[in-house]
């Protein structure tokens, strides 16, 4: 009996030792991928949109595509994570700040415009894209400026302020038509039910580039606002912020940024701004 007890104790000690070794082999990263950034079997959680073609879209097969996805994938690679180590997390616009403060994600690349109000709650790397509010119209449309929308129908997604801004600031006689989503606005534009759709030009270009809409629409090319897209990180996480900024600079310098723009927005003839300088916010 005495010999049996010693053997059991030794076996227990061996199991504990092996378990400790296994637990220590992941680089010490936490659930959102905030370890040393060297990968090593860890995952990194990145917040994106799931419903914006050309920017952040979850495909029917479960894969993800879009400019934000390409930028985030490149950045993650520079931080030491391979594509299969990325866990994409859907982050709705209203929950982005909370997702970062709770630690649900390590960073967010989701058409996240840098504003003074948001900078009170999160830190931003970038900007990595300068977008503008614009109009999407039919290819043969004679709408060339915002005032042309007077007496015409302008499509808006319910809860969006973009169309209301156009009506308030440029075309007070425009007739607002609110729909449940951008796809519904596009269908209405396609059928002639509305004359234009407005939101960020990058979002419009992404939708217009979809296979079923190719060649049917054009961007008016207006610059009704400046939207500086940044990558959000938890407030005070300067180490991650600096690494992301360095990755964004490298993405521009090695040509990967231009390639991603053309692949995601090219079919809509999107006339993008040059890659912005890190820390340079266009008002």
C-alpha atoms as a PDB file:
ATOM      1  CA  UNK A   1       0.000   0.000   0.000  1.00  0.00           C
ATOM      2  CA  UNK A   2       2.816   2.396   0.844  1.00  0.00           C
ATOM      3  CA  UNK A   3       4.543   1.815  -2.496  1.00  0.00           C
ATOM      4  CA  UNK A   4       1.248   2.308  -4.334  1.00  0.00           C
ATOM      5  CA  UNK A   5       0.718   5.700  -2.614  1.00  0.00           C
ATOM      6  CA  UNK A   6       4.193   6.948  -3.577  1.00  0.00           C
ATOM      7  CA  UNK A   7       3.601   5.957  -7.216  1.00  0.00           C
ATOM      8  CA  UNK A   8       0.270   7.755  -7.271  1.00  0.00           C
ATOM      9  CA  UNK A   9       1.841  10.886  -5.862  1.00  0.00           C
ATOM     10  CA  UNK A  10       4.631  10.754  -8.408  1.00  0.00           C
ATOM     11  CA  UNK A  11       2.122  10.303 -11.205  1.00  0.00           C
ATOM     12  CA  UNK A  12       0.111  13.254  -9.976  1.00  0.00           C
ATOM     13  CA  UNK A  13       3.220  15.420  -9.845  1.00  0.00           C
ATOM     14  CA  UNK A  14       4.109  14.393 -13.412  1.00  0.00           C
ATOM     15  CA  UNK A  15       0.640  15.292 -14.703  1.00  0.00           C
ATOM     16  CA  UNK A  16       0.770  18.676 -12.981  1.00  0.00           C
ATOM     17  CA  UNK A  17       4.188  19.387 -14.448  1.00  0.00           C
ATOM     18  CA  UNK A  18       3.049  18.502 -17.962  1.00  0.00           C
ATOM     19  CA  UNK A  19      -0.090  20.581 -17.575  1.00  0.00           C
ATOM     20  CA  UNK A  20       1.892  23.615 -16.420  1.00  0.00           C
ATOM     21  CA  UNK A  21       4.248  23.242 -19.383  1.00  0.00           C
ATOM     22  CA  UNK A  22       1.351  23.076 -21.840  1.00  0.00           C
ATOM     23  CA  UNK A  23      -0.364  26.123 -20.324  1.00  0.00           C
ATOM     24  CA  UNK A  24       2.807  28.159 -20.491  1.00  0.00           C
ATOM     25  CA  UNK A  25       3.412  27.549 -24.185  1.00  0.00           C
ATOM     26  CA  UNK A  26       0.944  30.091 -25.602  1.00  0.00           C
ATOM     27  CA  UNK A  27       3.066  33.174 -25.029  1.00  0.00           C
ATOM     28  CA  UNK A  28       0.899  34.443 -22.179  1.00  0.00           C
ATOM     29  CA  UNK A  29      -1.667  36.125 -24.468  1.00  0.00           C
ATOM     30  CA  UNK A  30      -5.142  36.966 -23.212  1.00  0.00           C
ATOM     31  CA  UNK A  31      -8.439  36.298 -24.955  1.00  0.00           C
ATOM     32  CA  UNK A  32      -8.328  39.317 -27.242  1.00  0.00           C
ATOM     33  CA  UNK A  33      -4.801  38.611 -28.447  1.00  0.00           C
ATOM     34  CA  UNK A  34      -2.892  41.063 -26.291  1.00  0.00           C
ATOM     35  CA  UNK A  35       0.184  38.928 -25.718  1.00  0.00           C
ATOM     36  CA  UNK A  36       3.641  39.795 -26.954  1.00  0.00           C
ATOM     37  CA  UNK A  37       2.388  40.016 -30.547  1.00  0.00           C
ATOM     38  CA  UNK A  38       4.529  37.150 -31.765  1.00  0.00           C
ATOM     39  CA  UNK A  39       1.643  34.816 -32.533  1.00  0.00           C
ATOM     40  CA  UNK A  40       2.867  31.465 -31.303  1.00  0.00           C
ATOM     41  CA  UNK A  41      -0.524  29.784 -31.312  1.00  0.00           C
ATOM     42  CA  UNK A  42      -2.446  32.755 -29.893  1.00  0.00           C
ATOM     43  CA  UNK A  43      -5.468  34.288 -31.542  1.00  0.00           C
ATOM     44  CA  UNK A  44      -6.141  37.956 -32.075  1.00  0.00           C
ATOM     45  CA  UNK A  45      -9.700  39.276 -32.063  1.00  0.00           C
ATOM     46  CA  UNK A  46     -10.396  42.060 -34.544  1.00  0.00           C
ATOM     47  CA  UNK A  47     -13.674  43.937 -34.862  1.00  0.00           C
ATOM     48  CA  UNK A  48     -15.099  44.536 -38.334  1.00  0.00           C
ATOM     49  CA  UNK A  49     -18.430  45.072 -40.062  1.00  0.00           C
ATOM     50  CA  UNK A  50     -20.085  41.986 -41.489  1.00  0.00           C
ATOM     51  CA  UNK A  51     -22.488  43.722 -43.887  1.00  0.00           C
ATOM     52  CA  UNK A  52     -20.489  46.240 -45.943  1.00  0.00           C
ATOM     53  CA  UNK A  53     -19.366  44.927 -49.353  1.00  0.00           C
ATOM     54  CA  UNK A  54     -15.936  46.212 -50.323  1.00  0.00           C
ATOM     55  CA  UNK A  55     -15.085  47.039 -46.718  1.00  0.00           C
ATOM     56  CA  UNK A  56     -16.127  44.349 -44.259  1.00  0.00           C
ATOM     57  CA  UNK A  57     -18.333  41.524 -45.475  1.00  0.00           C
ATOM     58  CA  UNK A  58     -18.982  38.014 -44.227  1.00  0.00           C
ATOM     59  CA  UNK A  59     -19.310  35.867 -47.340  1.00  0.00           C
ATOM     60  CA  UNK A  60     -21.817  32.991 -47.649  1.00  0.00           C
ATOM     61  CA  UNK A  61     -18.979  30.468 -47.197  1.00  0.00           C
ATOM     62  CA  UNK A  62     -17.978  32.068 -43.881  1.00  0.00           C
ATOM     63  CA  UNK A  63     -14.894  33.860 -45.196  1.00  0.00           C
ATOM     64  CA  UNK A  64     -14.398  37.629 -44.955  1.00  0.00           C
ATOM     65  CA  UNK A  65     -13.598  40.228 -47.590  1.00  0.00           C
ATOM     66  CA  UNK A  66     -13.165  43.964 -48.011  1.00  0.00           C
ATOM     67  CA  UNK A  67     -10.673  46.792 -47.645  1.00  0.00           C
ATOM     68  CA  UNK A  68     -10.972  46.947 -43.846  1.00  0.00           C
ATOM     69  CA  UNK A  69     -10.390  43.191 -43.720  1.00  0.00           C
ATOM     70  CA  UNK A  70      -7.317  43.473 -45.959  1.00  0.00           C
ATOM     71  CA  UNK A  71      -5.883  46.314 -43.874  1.00  0.00           C
ATOM     72  CA  UNK A  72      -6.510  44.489 -40.604  1.00  0.00           C
ATOM     73  CA  UNK A  73      -5.019  41.258 -41.980  1.00  0.00           C
ATOM     74  CA  UNK A  74      -1.861  43.099 -43.031  1.00  0.00           C
ATOM     75  CA  UNK A  75      -1.576  44.813 -39.649  1.00  0.00           C
ATOM     76  CA  UNK A  76      -2.115  41.544 -37.781  1.00  0.00           C
ATOM     77  CA  UNK A  77       0.668  39.960 -39.846  1.00  0.00           C
ATOM     78  CA  UNK A  78       3.035  42.733 -38.788  1.00  0.00           C
ATOM     79  CA  UNK A  79       2.006  42.107 -35.184  1.00  0.00           C
ATOM     80  CA  UNK A  80       2.945  38.440 -35.564  1.00  0.00           C
ATOM     81  CA  UNK A  81      -0.390  36.793 -36.408  1.00  0.00           C
ATOM     82  CA  UNK A  82      -1.107  34.679 -39.456  1.00  0.00           C
ATOM     83  CA  UNK A  83      -4.546  34.935 -41.137  1.00  0.00           C
ATOM     84  CA  UNK A  84      -5.703  31.707 -39.497  1.00  0.00           C
ATOM     85  CA  UNK A  85      -4.924  33.219 -36.081  1.00  0.00           C
ATOM     86  CA  UNK A  86      -7.403  36.060 -36.602  1.00  0.00           C
ATOM     87  CA  UNK A  87     -10.848  35.804 -35.054  1.00  0.00           C
ATOM     88  CA  UNK A  88     -13.152  38.271 -36.781  1.00  0.00           C
ATOM     89  CA  UNK A  89     -15.758  39.767 -34.466  1.00  0.00           C
ATOM     90  CA  UNK A  90     -18.795  41.662 -35.736  1.00  0.00           C
ATOM     91  CA  UNK A  91     -18.893  45.112 -34.148  1.00  0.00           C
ATOM     92  CA  UNK A  92     -21.935  47.273 -34.724  1.00  0.00           C
ATOM     93  CA  UNK A  93     -21.324  51.008 -34.947  1.00  0.00           C
ATOM     94  CA  UNK A  94     -23.025  51.750 -31.645  1.00  0.00           C
ATOM     95  CA  UNK A  95     -20.970  49.155 -29.749  1.00  0.00           C
ATOM     96  CA  UNK A  96     -17.453  49.850 -31.004  1.00  0.00           C
ATOM     97  CA  UNK A  97     -16.230  51.852 -28.006  1.00  0.00           C
ATOM     98  CA  UNK A  98     -17.727  49.337 -25.577  1.00  0.00           C
ATOM     99  CA  UNK A  99     -16.171  46.379 -27.403  1.00  0.00           C
ATOM    100  CA  UNK A 100     -12.720  47.912 -26.925  1.00  0.00           C
ATOM    101  CA  UNK A 101     -13.201  48.972 -23.314  1.00  0.00           C
ATOM    102  CA  UNK A 102     -14.572  45.526 -22.385  1.00  0.00           C
ATOM    103  CA  UNK A 103     -11.635  43.832 -24.086  1.00  0.00           C
ATOM    104  CA  UNK A 104     -13.864  41.920 -26.520  1.00  0.00           C
ATOM    105  CA  UNK A 105     -11.440  42.773 -29.332  1.00  0.00           C
ATOM    106  CA  UNK A 106      -7.859  43.961 -29.619  1.00  0.00           C
ATOM    107  CA  UNK A 107      -8.569  46.453 -32.392  1.00  0.00           C
ATOM    108  CA  UNK A 108     -11.388  47.601 -34.649  1.00  0.00           C
ATOM    109  CA  UNK A 109     -11.221  48.344 -38.391  1.00  0.00           C
ATOM    110  CA  UNK A 110     -14.832  49.056 -39.320  1.00  0.00           C
ATOM    111  CA  UNK A 111     -15.288  52.334 -41.263  1.00  0.00           C
ATOM    112  CA  UNK A 112     -14.447  53.900 -37.910  1.00  0.00           C
ATOM    113  CA  UNK A 113     -14.242  57.662 -38.470  1.00  0.00           C
ATOM    114  CA  UNK A 114     -11.886  59.474 -36.109  1.00  0.00           C
ATOM    115  CA  UNK A 115     -13.726  62.179 -34.184  1.00  0.00           C
ATOM    116  CA  UNK A 116     -12.877  64.281 -31.134  1.00  0.00           C
ATOM    117  CA  UNK A 117     -15.793  62.748 -29.249  1.00  0.00           C
ATOM    118  CA  UNK A 118     -14.645  59.191 -29.917  1.00  0.00           C
ATOM    119  CA  UNK A 119     -11.044  60.033 -29.004  1.00  0.00           C
ATOM    120  CA  UNK A 120     -12.248  60.647 -25.466  1.00  0.00           C
ATOM    121  CA  UNK A 121     -13.034  56.929 -25.196  1.00  0.00           C
ATOM    122  CA  UNK A 122     -10.601  55.111 -27.515  1.00  0.00           C
ATOM    123  CA  UNK A 123      -7.249  55.681 -29.213  1.00  0.00           C
ATOM    124  CA  UNK A 124      -6.928  55.647 -33.005  1.00  0.00           C
ATOM    125  CA  UNK A 125      -4.125  54.443 -35.215  1.00  0.00           C
ATOM    126  CA  UNK A 126      -4.004  55.950 -38.674  1.00  0.00           C
ATOM    127  CA  UNK A 127      -5.917  57.299 -40.443  1.00  0.00           C
ATOM    128  CA  UNK A 128      -5.619  54.665 -43.169  1.00  0.00           C
ATOM    129  CA  UNK A 129      -8.312  56.020 -45.539  1.00  0.00           C
ATOM    130  CA  UNK A 130      -9.837  59.431 -46.208  1.00  0.00           C
ATOM    131  CA  UNK A 131     -13.422  59.009 -47.376  1.00  0.00           C
ATOM    132  CA  UNK A 132     -16.097  61.589 -48.156  1.00  0.00           C
ATOM    133  CA  UNK A 133     -19.856  61.664 -48.070  1.00  0.00           C
ATOM    134  CA  UNK A 134     -21.032  61.354 -51.668  1.00  0.00           C
ATOM    135  CA  UNK A 135     -23.993  60.443 -53.871  1.00  0.00           C
ATOM    136  CA  UNK A 136     -24.512  57.230 -55.806  1.00  0.00           C
ATOM    137  CA  UNK A 137     -26.650  57.702 -58.924  1.00  0.00           C
ATOM    138  CA  UNK A 138     -27.497  55.814 -62.112  1.00  0.00           C
ATOM    139  CA  UNK A 139     -24.788  55.850 -64.738  1.00  0.00           C
ATOM    140  CA  UNK A 140     -26.831  58.085 -67.059  1.00  0.00           C
ATOM    141  CA  UNK A 141     -27.965  60.461 -64.294  1.00  0.00           C
ATOM    142  CA  UNK A 142     -27.647  64.223 -64.773  1.00  0.00           C
ATOM    143  CA  UNK A 143     -27.139  64.788 -61.033  1.00  0.00           C
ATOM    144  CA  UNK A 144     -23.713  66.355 -60.677  1.00  0.00           C
ATOM    145  CA  UNK A 145     -24.074  68.439 -57.507  1.00  0.00           C
ATOM    146  CA  UNK A 146     -26.026  68.220 -54.268  1.00  0.00           C
ATOM    147  CA  UNK A 147     -28.436  71.032 -55.206  1.00  0.00           C
ATOM    148  CA  UNK A 148     -29.586  68.932 -58.164  1.00  0.00           C
ATOM    149  CA  UNK A 149     -31.432  66.788 -55.617  1.00  0.00           C
ATOM    150  CA  UNK A 150     -34.084  69.456 -55.033  1.00  0.00           C
ATOM    151  CA  UNK A 151     -37.492  68.008 -55.997  1.00  0.00           C
ATOM    152  CA  UNK A 152     -35.878  64.550 -56.378  1.00  0.00           C
ATOM    153  CA  UNK A 153     -35.918  61.452 -54.176  1.00  0.00           C
ATOM    154  CA  UNK A 154     -32.920  60.785 -51.993  1.00  0.00           C
ATOM    155  CA  UNK A 155     -32.616  57.382 -50.348  1.00  0.00           C
ATOM    156  CA  UNK A 156     -31.603  57.057 -46.728  1.00  0.00           C
ATOM    157  CA  UNK A 157     -31.111  54.105 -44.419  1.00  0.00           C
ATOM    158  CA  UNK A 158     -33.393  54.431 -41.406  1.00  0.00           C
ATOM    159  CA  UNK A 159     -31.428  55.930 -38.532  1.00  0.00           C
ATOM    160  CA  UNK A 160     -28.742  57.398 -40.806  1.00  0.00           C
ATOM    161  CA  UNK A 161     -27.900  61.100 -40.684  1.00  0.00           C
ATOM    162  CA  UNK A 162     -26.222  61.278 -44.113  1.00  0.00           C
ATOM    163  CA  UNK A 163     -29.349  61.954 -46.170  1.00  0.00           C
ATOM    164  CA  UNK A 164     -30.714  64.384 -43.593  1.00  0.00           C
ATOM    165  CA  UNK A 165     -27.434  66.307 -43.765  1.00  0.00           C
ATOM    166  CA  UNK A 166     -27.832  66.656 -47.532  1.00  0.00           C
ATOM    167  CA  UNK A 167     -31.420  67.843 -47.128  1.00  0.00           C
ATOM    168  CA  UNK A 168     -30.531  70.298 -44.370  1.00  0.00           C
ATOM    169  CA  UNK A 169     -27.360  71.726 -45.907  1.00  0.00           C
ATOM    170  CA  UNK A 170     -27.635  71.427 -49.690  1.00  0.00           C
ATOM    171  CA  UNK A 171     -31.048  70.403 -51.010  1.00  0.00           C
ATOM    172  CA  UNK A 172     -33.914  71.447 -48.727  1.00  0.00           C
ATOM    173  CA  UNK A 173     -36.528  70.361 -51.259  1.00  0.00           C
ATOM    174  CA  UNK A 174     -35.188  66.832 -51.638  1.00  0.00           C
ATOM    175  CA  UNK A 175     -37.691  64.096 -50.828  1.00  0.00           C
ATOM    176  CA  UNK A 176     -36.258  61.645 -48.313  1.00  0.00           C
ATOM    177  CA  UNK A 177     -37.087  57.975 -48.767  1.00  0.00           C
ATOM    178  CA  UNK A 178     -35.996  55.857 -45.800  1.00  0.00           C
ATOM    179  CA  UNK A 179     -35.253  52.143 -46.243  1.00  0.00           C
ATOM    180  CA  UNK A 180     -34.103  49.354 -43.971  1.00  0.00           C
ATOM    181  CA  UNK A 181     -30.634  48.971 -45.487  1.00  0.00           C
ATOM    182  CA  UNK A 182     -28.335  50.042 -48.304  1.00  0.00           C
ATOM    183  CA  UNK A 183     -29.282  47.051 -50.435  1.00  0.00           C
ATOM    184  CA  UNK A 184     -32.905  48.221 -50.386  1.00  0.00           C
ATOM    185  CA  UNK A 185     -31.805  51.700 -51.443  1.00  0.00           C
ATOM    186  CA  UNK A 186     -29.799  50.204 -54.295  1.00  0.00           C
ATOM    187  CA  UNK A 187     -32.790  48.189 -55.492  1.00  0.00           C
ATOM    188  CA  UNK A 188     -34.908  51.355 -55.383  1.00  0.00           C
ATOM    189  CA  UNK A 189     -32.224  53.253 -57.307  1.00  0.00           C
ATOM    190  CA  UNK A 190     -32.018  50.447 -59.849  1.00  0.00           C
ATOM    191  CA  UNK A 191     -35.784  50.467 -60.425  1.00  0.00           C
ATOM    192  CA  UNK A 192     -36.096  54.245 -60.545  1.00  0.00           C
ATOM    193  CA  UNK A 193     -37.906  54.495 -57.228  1.00  0.00           C
ATOM    194  CA  UNK A 194     -35.278  56.965 -55.981  1.00  0.00           C
ATOM    195  CA  UNK A 195     -32.792  59.220 -57.742  1.00  0.00           C
ATOM    196  CA  UNK A 196     -29.776  58.960 -55.452  1.00  0.00           C
ATOM    197  CA  UNK A 197     -28.313  57.271 -52.400  1.00  0.00           C
ATOM    198  CA  UNK A 198     -25.919  58.982 -50.014  1.00  0.00           C
ATOM    199  CA  UNK A 199     -23.343  57.870 -47.440  1.00  0.00           C
ATOM    200  CA  UNK A 200     -19.521  57.582 -47.387  1.00  0.00           C
ATOM    201  CA  UNK A 201     -18.107  57.208 -50.900  1.00  0.00           C
ATOM    202  CA  UNK A 202     -16.108  54.143 -49.834  1.00  0.00           C
ATOM    203  CA  UNK A 203     -19.293  52.382 -48.719  1.00  0.00           C
ATOM    204  CA  UNK A 204     -21.119  53.398 -51.894  1.00  0.00           C
ATOM    205  CA  UNK A 205     -18.234  52.148 -54.038  1.00  0.00           C
ATOM    206  CA  UNK A 206     -18.241  48.815 -52.227  1.00  0.00           C
ATOM    207  CA  UNK A 207     -21.923  48.244 -52.908  1.00  0.00           C
ATOM    208  CA  UNK A 208     -21.741  49.459 -56.515  1.00  0.00           C
ATOM    209  CA  UNK A 209     -18.845  47.074 -57.161  1.00  0.00           C
ATOM    210  CA  UNK A 210     -21.013  44.036 -56.370  1.00  0.00           C
ATOM    211  CA  UNK A 211     -21.446  41.713 -59.329  1.00  0.00           C
ATOM    212  CA  UNK A 212     -25.188  42.342 -59.700  1.00  0.00           C
ATOM    213  CA  UNK A 213     -24.677  46.120 -59.881  1.00  0.00           C
ATOM    214  CA  UNK A 214     -21.484  46.432 -61.942  1.00  0.00           C
ATOM    215  CA  UNK A 215     -21.726  49.153 -64.575  1.00  0.00           C
ATOM    216  CA  UNK A 216     -25.133  50.414 -63.474  1.00  0.00           C
ATOM    217  CA  UNK A 217     -24.180  53.191 -61.062  1.00  0.00           C
ATOM    218  CA  UNK A 218     -21.605  55.933 -60.624  1.00  0.00           C
ATOM    219  CA  UNK A 219     -20.362  58.126 -57.821  1.00  0.00           C
ATOM    220  CA  UNK A 220     -21.153  61.808 -58.274  1.00  0.00           C
ATOM    221  CA  UNK A 221     -17.684  62.635 -56.994  1.00  0.00           C
ATOM    222  CA  UNK A 222     -18.812  65.141 -54.379  1.00  0.00           C
ATOM    223  CA  UNK A 223     -16.932  65.742 -51.151  1.00  0.00           C
ATOM    224  CA  UNK A 224     -19.715  66.641 -48.757  1.00  0.00           C
ATOM    225  CA  UNK A 225     -17.684  65.698 -45.669  1.00  0.00           C
ATOM    226  CA  UNK A 226     -14.305  64.302 -44.625  1.00  0.00           C
ATOM    227  CA  UNK A 227     -14.282  60.875 -42.961  1.00  0.00           C
ATOM    228  CA  UNK A 228     -10.879  59.852 -41.589  1.00  0.00           C
ATOM    229  CA  UNK A 229     -10.998  56.083 -41.021  1.00  0.00           C
ATOM    230  CA  UNK A 230      -8.815  54.875 -38.171  1.00  0.00           C
ATOM    231  CA  UNK A 231      -8.124  51.614 -36.359  1.00  0.00           C
ATOM    232  CA  UNK A 232      -9.494  51.825 -32.839  1.00  0.00           C
ATOM    233  CA  UNK A 233      -7.631  50.374 -29.857  1.00  0.00           C
ATOM    234  CA  UNK A 234      -8.287  50.464 -26.139  1.00  0.00           C
ATOM    235  CA  UNK A 235      -7.620  53.841 -24.549  1.00  0.00           C
ATOM    236  CA  UNK A 236      -4.049  54.019 -23.291  1.00  0.00           C
ATOM    237  CA  UNK A 237      -2.716  51.017 -25.243  1.00  0.00           C
ATOM    238  CA  UNK A 238       0.180  52.969 -26.731  1.00  0.00           C
ATOM    239  CA  UNK A 239       2.319  49.902 -27.445  1.00  0.00           C
ATOM    240  CA  UNK A 240      -0.308  48.423 -29.775  1.00  0.00           C
ATOM    241  CA  UNK A 241      -1.044  51.839 -31.256  1.00  0.00           C
ATOM    242  CA  UNK A 242       2.596  52.381 -32.235  1.00  0.00           C
ATOM    243  CA  UNK A 243       2.849  48.912 -33.795  1.00  0.00           C
ATOM    244  CA  UNK A 244      -0.295  49.438 -35.855  1.00  0.00           C
ATOM    245  CA  UNK A 245       0.886  52.822 -37.106  1.00  0.00           C
ATOM    246  CA  UNK A 246       4.212  51.316 -38.159  1.00  0.00           C
ATOM    247  CA  UNK A 247       2.344  48.525 -39.982  1.00  0.00           C
ATOM    248  CA  UNK A 248       0.108  51.030 -41.802  1.00  0.00           C
ATOM    249  CA  UNK A 249       3.142  53.019 -42.946  1.00  0.00           C
ATOM    250  CA  UNK A 250       4.732  49.843 -44.273  1.00  0.00           C
ATOM    251  CA  UNK A 251       1.516  48.830 -46.054  1.00  0.00           C
ATOM    252  CA  UNK A 252       1.573  52.114 -47.956  1.00  0.00           C
ATOM    253  CA  UNK A 253       5.303  52.046 -48.735  1.00  0.00           C
ATOM    254  CA  UNK A 254       5.347  48.491 -50.123  1.00  0.00           C
ATOM    255  CA  UNK A 255       2.326  49.030 -52.417  1.00  0.00           C
ATOM    256  CA  UNK A 256      -0.079  46.766 -50.536  1.00  0.00           C
ATOM    257  CA  UNK A 257      -2.388  49.673 -49.685  1.00  0.00           C
ATOM    258  CA  UNK A 258      -2.857  50.693 -53.347  1.00  0.00           C
ATOM    259  CA  UNK A 259      -3.454  47.077 -54.317  1.00  0.00           C
ATOM    260  CA  UNK A 260      -6.154  46.664 -51.667  1.00  0.00           C
ATOM    261  CA  UNK A 261      -7.918  49.866 -52.781  1.00  0.00           C
ATOM    262  CA  UNK A 262      -8.018  48.762 -56.425  1.00  0.00           C
ATOM    263  CA  UNK A 263      -9.181  45.242 -55.634  1.00  0.00           C
ATOM    264  CA  UNK A 264     -12.020  46.335 -53.366  1.00  0.00           C
ATOM    265  CA  UNK A 265     -13.203  49.594 -54.938  1.00  0.00           C
ATOM    266  CA  UNK A 266     -11.871  49.536 -58.498  1.00  0.00           C
ATOM    267  CA  UNK A 267     -14.976  48.125 -60.232  1.00  0.00           C
ATOM    268  CA  UNK A 268     -16.976  51.200 -59.103  1.00  0.00           C
ATOM    269  CA  UNK A 269     -14.360  53.628 -60.520  1.00  0.00           C
ATOM    270  CA  UNK A 270     -13.728  54.943 -57.030  1.00  0.00           C
ATOM    271  CA  UNK A 271     -11.429  57.961 -57.174  1.00  0.00           C
ATOM    272  CA  UNK A 272      -9.747  57.519 -53.843  1.00  0.00           C
ATOM    273  CA  UNK A 273      -7.645  60.070 -52.031  1.00  0.00           C
ATOM    274  CA  UNK A 274      -3.935  59.277 -51.648  1.00  0.00           C
ATOM    275  CA  UNK A 275      -3.051  57.303 -48.547  1.00  0.00           C
ATOM    276  CA  UNK A 276      -3.226  59.716 -45.600  1.00  0.00           C
ATOM    277  CA  UNK A 277      -0.249  60.445 -43.379  1.00  0.00           C
ATOM    278  CA  UNK A 278      -0.330  58.868 -39.952  1.00  0.00           C
ATOM    279  CA  UNK A 279      -1.781  61.331 -37.463  1.00  0.00           C
ATOM    280  CA  UNK A 280      -2.897  63.752 -40.176  1.00  0.00           C
ATOM    281  CA  UNK A 281      -6.633  64.374 -39.741  1.00  0.00           C
ATOM    282  CA  UNK A 282      -8.403  66.264 -42.522  1.00  0.00           C
ATOM    283  CA  UNK A 283     -11.181  68.425 -41.078  1.00  0.00           C
END
